[in-house]
Amino acid sequence: MSTRGAERIELLQGTLDLLILRTLLLGPRHGHAIAKSIEYNSADVLLVEQGSLYPALHRLIQRRWIVAEEGTSENNRRAKFYRLTAKGRRQLTIEAGKWEKLSQAIARILKPTEQEGQP
């Protein structure tokens, strides 16, 4: 996954997994719809490339956080639809908590208080 534009930013490992889980919380989607949803909801800042998306989907299936089912897409083509499992819903809560804790810690470093540098 990368950001649009000339500058690419490497995302932390597991970030795409979290974004996929959150996207599937809204209901089953096929791979292309997952990628487009992440792009749309990030205001087109995040670009999900197939080379990152499908390995992540396979990883999430192996962990039993999602399942894949055959179906027909909105343009009448066969597609795999991915759905969040109960285990995946629980993991989404855990991963979102970890992300929140990490982002708060980074924010504290980027915008220090008056007592910066004191242990």
Protein backbone atom coordinates (compact mmCIF):
# COMPACT_ATOMS: atom_id res chain seq x y z
CA MET A 1 0.00 0.00 0.00
CA SER A 2 1.29 3.45 -0.78
CA THR A 3 0.15 7.01 -0.85
CA ARG A 4 -0.78 8.80 -4.06
CA GLY A 5 1.54 11.37 -5.54
CA ALA A 6 5.27 11.53 -6.00
CA GLU A 7 6.11 10.67 -2.41
CA ARG A 8 5.52 7.15 -1.14
CA ILE A 9 5.29 6.43 2.54
CA GLU A 10 5.88 2.97 3.88
CA LEU A 11 3.11 1.97 6.24
CA LEU A 12 3.71 -0.02 9.38
CA GLN A 13 3.29 -3.76 9.07
CA GLY A 14 -0.26 -4.73 9.93
CA THR A 15 -1.77 -1.41 8.88
CA LEU A 16 -3.32 -2.85 5.74
CA ASP A 17 -4.72 -5.76 7.75
CA LEU A 18 -6.40 -3.30 10.11
CA LEU A 19 -7.84 -1.29 7.22
CA ILE A 20 -9.21 -4.42 5.54
CA LEU A 21 -10.82 -5.62 8.76
CA ARG A 22 -12.41 -2.21 9.32
CA THR A 23 -13.67 -2.10 5.73
CA LEU A 24 -15.25 -5.54 6.05
CA LEU A 25 -17.04 -4.48 9.22
CA LEU A 26 -19.47 -2.76 6.84
CA GLY A 27 -20.25 -6.05 5.09
CA PRO A 28 -18.82 -8.50 2.56
CA ARG A 29 -16.85 -7.05 -0.37
CA HIS A 30 -14.73 -8.31 -3.21
CA GLY A 31 -11.06 -7.34 -3.44
CA HIS A 32 -11.46 -4.42 -5.82
CA ALA A 33 -14.26 -2.96 -3.67
CA ILE A 34 -12.08 -3.26 -0.56
CA ALA A 35 -9.25 -1.37 -2.25
CA LYS A 36 -11.59 1.33 -3.58
CA SER A 37 -13.25 1.75 -0.18
CA ILE A 38 -9.89 2.28 1.54
CA GLU A 39 -8.88 4.76 -1.14
CA TYR A 40 -12.20 6.64 -0.94
CA ASN A 41 -12.31 6.73 2.87
CA SER A 42 -8.71 8.00 3.03
CA ALA A 43 -9.63 10.86 0.65
CA ASP A 44 -7.46 9.16 -1.99
CA VAL A 45 -4.33 9.41 0.16
CA LEU A 46 -3.89 5.64 0.40
CA LEU A 47 -3.53 3.56 -2.75
CA VAL A 48 -3.98 -0.18 -2.22
CA GLU A 49 -2.05 -2.11 -4.82
CA GLN A 50 -3.04 -5.65 -5.82
CA GLY A 51 0.44 -6.85 -4.93
CA SER A 52 -0.26 -5.86 -1.32
CA LEU A 53 -4.00 -6.48 -1.10
CA TYR A 54 -4.23 -10.12 -2.10
CA PRO A 55 -1.35 -11.37 0.09
CA ALA A 56 -2.99 -9.52 3.01
CA LEU A 57 -6.37 -11.13 2.25
CA HIS A 58 -4.74 -14.59 2.15
CA ARG A 59 -2.97 -13.87 5.44
CA LEU A 60 -6.27 -12.84 7.07
CA ILE A 61 -7.95 -16.01 5.77
CA GLN A 62 -5.15 -18.14 7.25
CA ARG A 63 -5.64 -16.42 10.60
CA ARG A 64 -9.40 -17.09 10.28
CA TRP A 65 -10.18 -13.39 10.65
CA ILE A 66 -12.01 -13.40 7.31
CA VAL A 67 -13.52 -15.98 4.97
CA ALA A 68 -13.87 -15.94 1.18
CA GLU A 69 -17.03 -16.94 -0.64
CA GLU A 70 -17.75 -17.10 -4.37
CA GLY A 71 -20.25 -14.62 -5.70
CA THR A 72 -21.16 -12.27 -8.53
CA SER A 73 -19.92 -8.69 -8.61
CA GLU A 74 -22.03 -5.65 -9.45
CA ASN A 75 -20.90 -5.94 -13.09
CA ASN A 76 -22.02 -9.60 -13.29
CA ARG A 77 -18.57 -11.18 -12.99
CA ARG A 78 -17.51 -14.03 -10.74
CA ALA A 79 -15.63 -12.75 -7.74
CA LYS A 80 -14.50 -13.78 -4.28
CA PHE A 81 -16.29 -11.89 -1.56
CA TYR A 82 -14.50 -11.52 1.75
CA ARG A 83 -16.42 -11.46 5.01
CA LEU A 84 -15.33 -10.73 8.56
CA THR A 85 -15.60 -13.65 11.01
CA ALA A 86 -16.44 -13.42 14.71
CA LYS A 87 -12.73 -13.93 15.41
CA GLY A 88 -11.97 -11.13 12.95
CA ARG A 89 -14.38 -8.77 14.71
CA ARG A 90 -12.63 -9.43 18.01
CA GLN A 91 -9.23 -8.94 16.36
CA LEU A 92 -10.39 -5.66 14.81
CA THR A 93 -11.06 -4.33 18.30
CA ILE A 94 -7.61 -5.45 19.46
CA GLU A 95 -5.81 -4.05 16.41
CA ALA A 96 -7.69 -0.74 16.57
CA GLY A 97 -6.68 -0.41 20.23
CA LYS A 98 -3.03 -1.06 19.37
CA TRP A 99 -3.19 1.50 16.54
CA GLU A 100 -4.76 4.11 18.83
CA LYS A 101 -2.07 3.55 21.47
CA LEU A 102 0.69 3.78 18.86
CA SER A 103 -0.71 6.93 17.23
CA GLN A 104 -1.09 8.64 20.63
CA ALA A 105 2.51 7.79 21.51
CA ILE A 106 3.77 9.20 18.20
CA ALA A 107 1.63 12.32 18.65
CA ARG A 108 3.17 12.88 22.10
CA ILE A 109 6.64 12.78 20.53
CA LEU A 110 5.73 15.03 17.59
CA LYS A 111 3.96 17.59 19.77
CA PRO A 112 5.79 17.51 23.10
CA THR A 113 4.66 19.32 26.21
CA GLU A 114 6.67 21.98 28.01
CA GLN A 115 8.49 19.30 29.98
CA GLU A 116 10.12 17.74 26.91
CA GLY A 117 13.24 15.76 27.54
CA GLN A 118 12.50 15.11 31.21
CA PRO A 119 12.14 11.47 32.22
